[in-house]
C-alpha atoms as a PDB file:
ATOM      1  CA  UNK A   1       0.304   0.040   0.005  1.00  0.00           C
ATOM      2  CA  UNK A   2       2.829   2.457   0.583  1.00  0.00           C
ATOM      3  CA  UNK A   3       4.153   2.145  -2.863  1.00  0.00           C
ATOM      4  CA  UNK A   4       0.925   3.536  -4.434  1.00  0.00           C
ATOM      5  CA  UNK A   5       0.803   6.430  -1.724  1.00  0.00           C
ATOM      6  CA  UNK A   6       1.471   8.839  -5.085  1.00  0.00           C
ATOM      7  CA  UNK A   7      -1.709   7.876  -6.257  1.00  0.00           C
ATOM      8  CA  UNK A   8      -4.392   9.683  -4.488  1.00  0.00           C
ATOM      9  CA  UNK A   9      -2.734  13.243  -5.191  1.00  0.00           C
ATOM     10  CA  UNK A  10      -2.279  12.001  -8.982  1.00  0.00           C
ATOM     11  CA  UNK A  11      -5.777  11.729  -9.385  1.00  0.00           C
ATOM     12  CA  UNK A  12      -6.953  14.387  -7.291  1.00  0.00           C
ATOM     13  CA  UNK A  13      -4.569  16.606  -9.410  1.00  0.00           C
ATOM     14  CA  UNK A  14      -5.592  15.304 -12.764  1.00  0.00           C
ATOM     15  CA  UNK A  15      -9.640  15.619 -12.010  1.00  0.00           C
ATOM     16  CA  UNK A  16      -8.749  19.471 -10.887  1.00  0.00           C
ATOM     17  CA  UNK A  17      -6.729  20.331 -13.663  1.00  0.00           C
ATOM     18  CA  UNK A  18      -9.459  18.810 -15.836  1.00  0.00           C
ATOM     19  CA  UNK A  19     -11.888  21.049 -14.126  1.00  0.00           C
ATOM     20  CA  UNK A  20     -10.005  24.078 -14.571  1.00  0.00           C
ATOM     21  CA  UNK A  21      -9.161  23.458 -18.385  1.00  0.00           C
ATOM     22  CA  UNK A  22     -13.083  22.947 -19.062  1.00  0.00           C
ATOM     23  CA  UNK A  23     -13.944  26.486 -17.203  1.00  0.00           C
ATOM     24  CA  UNK A  24     -10.978  28.067 -18.830  1.00  0.00           C
ATOM     25  CA  UNK A  25     -11.671  26.843 -22.061  1.00  0.00           C
ATOM     26  CA  UNK A  26     -15.390  27.381 -22.174  1.00  0.00           C
ATOM     27  CA  UNK A  27     -15.396  30.573 -20.129  1.00  0.00           C
ATOM     28  CA  UNK A  28     -12.504  32.445 -22.233  1.00  0.00           C
ATOM     29  CA  UNK A  29     -11.339  30.046 -24.643  1.00  0.00           C
ATOM     30  CA  UNK A  30     -13.810  30.168 -26.981  1.00  0.00           C
ATOM     31  CA  UNK A  31     -15.225  26.455 -27.084  1.00  0.00           C
ATOM     32  CA  UNK A  32     -19.042  25.793 -27.571  1.00  0.00           C
ATOM     33  CA  UNK A  33     -21.111  22.998 -27.112  1.00  0.00           C
ATOM     34  CA  UNK A  34     -22.639  21.137 -30.215  1.00  0.00           C
ATOM     35  CA  UNK A  35     -25.929  22.820 -29.658  1.00  0.00           C
ATOM     36  CA  UNK A  36     -24.419  26.089 -29.121  1.00  0.00           C
ATOM     37  CA  UNK A  37     -22.587  25.894 -32.608  1.00  0.00           C
ATOM     38  CA  UNK A  38     -25.950  24.966 -34.220  1.00  0.00           C
ATOM     39  CA  UNK A  39     -27.450  27.535 -32.741  1.00  0.00           C
ATOM     40  CA  UNK A  40     -25.167  30.001 -33.989  1.00  0.00           C
ATOM     41  CA  UNK A  41     -25.041  28.511 -37.447  1.00  0.00           C
ATOM     42  CA  UNK A  42     -28.952  28.568 -37.718  1.00  0.00           C
ATOM     43  CA  UNK A  43     -28.891  32.196 -36.764  1.00  0.00           C
ATOM     44  CA  UNK A  44     -26.150  33.134 -39.333  1.00  0.00           C
ATOM     45  CA  UNK A  45     -27.841  31.135 -41.733  1.00  0.00           C
ATOM     46  CA  UNK A  46     -30.844  32.809 -41.588  1.00  0.00           C
ATOM     47  CA  UNK A  47     -29.227  36.139 -41.812  1.00  0.00           C
ATOM     48  CA  UNK A  48     -27.499  35.524 -44.747  1.00  0.00           C
ATOM     49  CA  UNK A  49     -30.466  34.397 -46.558  1.00  0.00           C
ATOM     50  CA  UNK A  50     -32.452  37.380 -45.780  1.00  0.00           C
ATOM     51  CA  UNK A  51     -29.238  39.310 -46.976  1.00  0.00           C
ATOM     52  CA  UNK A  52     -29.429  37.635 -50.366  1.00  0.00           C
ATOM     53  CA  UNK A  53     -33.148  38.059 -50.860  1.00  0.00           C
ATOM     54  CA  UNK A  54     -33.279  41.860 -49.410  1.00  0.00           C
ATOM     55  CA  UNK A  55     -32.879  42.578 -53.352  1.00  0.00           C
ATOM     56  CA  UNK A  56     -35.520  40.422 -54.437  1.00  0.00           C
ATOM     57  CA  UNK A  57     -37.683  41.859 -51.935  1.00  0.00           C
ATOM     58  CA  UNK A  58     -36.595  45.676 -53.032  1.00  0.00           C
ATOM     59  CA  UNK A  59     -37.310  44.745 -56.402  1.00  0.00           C
ATOM     60  CA  UNK A  60     -40.948  43.377 -55.686  1.00  0.00           C
ATOM     61  CA  UNK A  61     -41.809  46.282 -54.135  1.00  0.00           C
ATOM     62  CA  UNK A  62     -40.377  48.625 -56.695  1.00  0.00           C
ATOM     63  CA  UNK A  63     -42.301  47.042 -59.213  1.00  0.00           C
ATOM     64  CA  UNK A  64     -45.856  46.689 -57.178  1.00  0.00           C
ATOM     65  CA  UNK A  65     -48.259  48.774 -58.660  1.00  0.00           C
ATOM     66  CA  UNK A  66     -49.675  49.489 -55.008  1.00  0.00           C
ATOM     67  CA  UNK A  67     -45.882  50.202 -53.775  1.00  0.00           C
ATOM     68  CA  UNK A  68     -47.287  54.170 -53.124  1.00  0.00           C
ATOM     69  CA  UNK A  69     -49.573  53.377 -51.079  1.00  0.00           C
ATOM     70  CA  UNK A  70     -47.538  50.673 -49.160  1.00  0.00           C
ATOM     71  CA  UNK A  71     -44.925  52.811 -48.784  1.00  0.00           C
ATOM     72  CA  UNK A  72     -46.898  55.340 -46.937  1.00  0.00           C
ATOM     73  CA  UNK A  73     -48.381  52.836 -44.801  1.00  0.00           C
ATOM     74  CA  UNK A  74     -44.821  51.688 -43.780  1.00  0.00           C
ATOM     75  CA  UNK A  75     -43.883  55.277 -42.918  1.00  0.00           C
ATOM     76  CA  UNK A  76     -46.641  55.676 -40.707  1.00  0.00           C
ATOM     77  CA  UNK A  77     -46.214  52.459 -38.969  1.00  0.00           C
ATOM     78  CA  UNK A  78     -44.409  52.055 -35.931  1.00  0.00           C
ATOM     79  CA  UNK A  79     -41.008  50.547 -36.009  1.00  0.00           C
ATOM     80  CA  UNK A  80     -42.425  47.466 -34.455  1.00  0.00           C
ATOM     81  CA  UNK A  81     -45.051  46.441 -37.181  1.00  0.00           C
ATOM     82  CA  UNK A  82     -42.883  47.740 -40.158  1.00  0.00           C
ATOM     83  CA  UNK A  83     -42.269  44.059 -41.230  1.00  0.00           C
ATOM     84  CA  UNK A  84     -45.596  43.236 -40.528  1.00  0.00           C
ATOM     85  CA  UNK A  85     -46.863  45.984 -43.330  1.00  0.00           C
ATOM     86  CA  UNK A  86     -44.173  44.397 -45.504  1.00  0.00           C
ATOM     87  CA  UNK A  87     -45.363  40.655 -45.329  1.00  0.00           C
ATOM     88  CA  UNK A  88     -48.789  41.799 -45.470  1.00  0.00           C
ATOM     89  CA  UNK A  89     -47.792  43.271 -48.895  1.00  0.00           C
ATOM     90  CA  UNK A  90     -46.620  39.870 -50.371  1.00  0.00           C
ATOM     91  CA  UNK A  91     -42.547  41.454 -50.952  1.00  0.00           C
ATOM     92  CA  UNK A  92     -41.167  38.966 -47.672  1.00  0.00           C
ATOM     93  CA  UNK A  93     -42.679  36.061 -49.328  1.00  0.00           C
ATOM     94  CA  UNK A  94     -39.800  34.118 -51.352  1.00  0.00           C
ATOM     95  CA  UNK A  95     -40.493  32.354 -54.829  1.00  0.00           C
ATOM     96  CA  UNK A  96     -41.817  28.887 -54.069  1.00  0.00           C
ATOM     97  CA  UNK A  97     -42.965  29.464 -50.547  1.00  0.00           C
ATOM     98  CA  UNK A  98     -46.121  30.363 -49.345  1.00  0.00           C
ATOM     99  CA  UNK A  99     -45.469  32.323 -46.051  1.00  0.00           C
ATOM    100  CA  UNK A 100     -43.440  35.151 -45.882  1.00  0.00           C
ATOM    101  CA  UNK A 101     -39.822  34.963 -43.944  1.00  0.00           C
ATOM    102  CA  UNK A 102     -39.502  37.108 -41.020  1.00  0.00           C
ATOM    103  CA  UNK A 103     -36.020  37.978 -41.558  1.00  0.00           C
ATOM    104  CA  UNK A 104     -36.153  38.931 -45.016  1.00  0.00           C
ATOM    105  CA  UNK A 105     -39.567  41.085 -43.875  1.00  0.00           C
ATOM    106  CA  UNK A 106     -37.137  43.024 -41.186  1.00  0.00           C
ATOM    107  CA  UNK A 107     -34.130  43.063 -43.405  1.00  0.00           C
ATOM    108  CA  UNK A 108     -36.291  44.494 -46.411  1.00  0.00           C
ATOM    109  CA  UNK A 109     -38.113  46.968 -44.578  1.00  0.00           C
ATOM    110  CA  UNK A 110     -34.542  48.788 -43.424  1.00  0.00           C
ATOM    111  CA  UNK A 111     -33.597  48.591 -46.769  1.00  0.00           C
ATOM    112  CA  UNK A 112     -36.784  50.254 -47.705  1.00  0.00           C
ATOM    113  CA  UNK A 113     -36.251  53.084 -45.332  1.00  0.00           C
ATOM    114  CA  UNK A 114     -32.652  53.494 -46.558  1.00  0.00           C
ATOM    115  CA  UNK A 115     -33.855  53.621 -49.861  1.00  0.00           C
ATOM    116  CA  UNK A 116     -37.118  55.503 -49.594  1.00  0.00           C
ATOM    117  CA  UNK A 117     -37.095  59.677 -49.989  1.00  0.00           C
END
């Protein structure tokens, strides 16, 4: 038993070192879990889709015969309901889809605010 007296401190050191490494890695090292990485990737994916489709939304807004009335309604709407105006106009509904994309509607209403006089 005297020969294995070094084993207990070594095991405690390994366990404490692993715990410290995990804490430092997840806190400051930039490590993420698989679920966290998937969530971040999903957010980036929807942002990229909205950015790619924003010119499509702007073109639909430009070619819509009722654009003048919808733009007046958009300017009169509160900042929280502007994307709903874009959704209702159908400008944020991508080709092949039946439902408007909320991220696209948000990006489109911001872009329309910059383009509109």
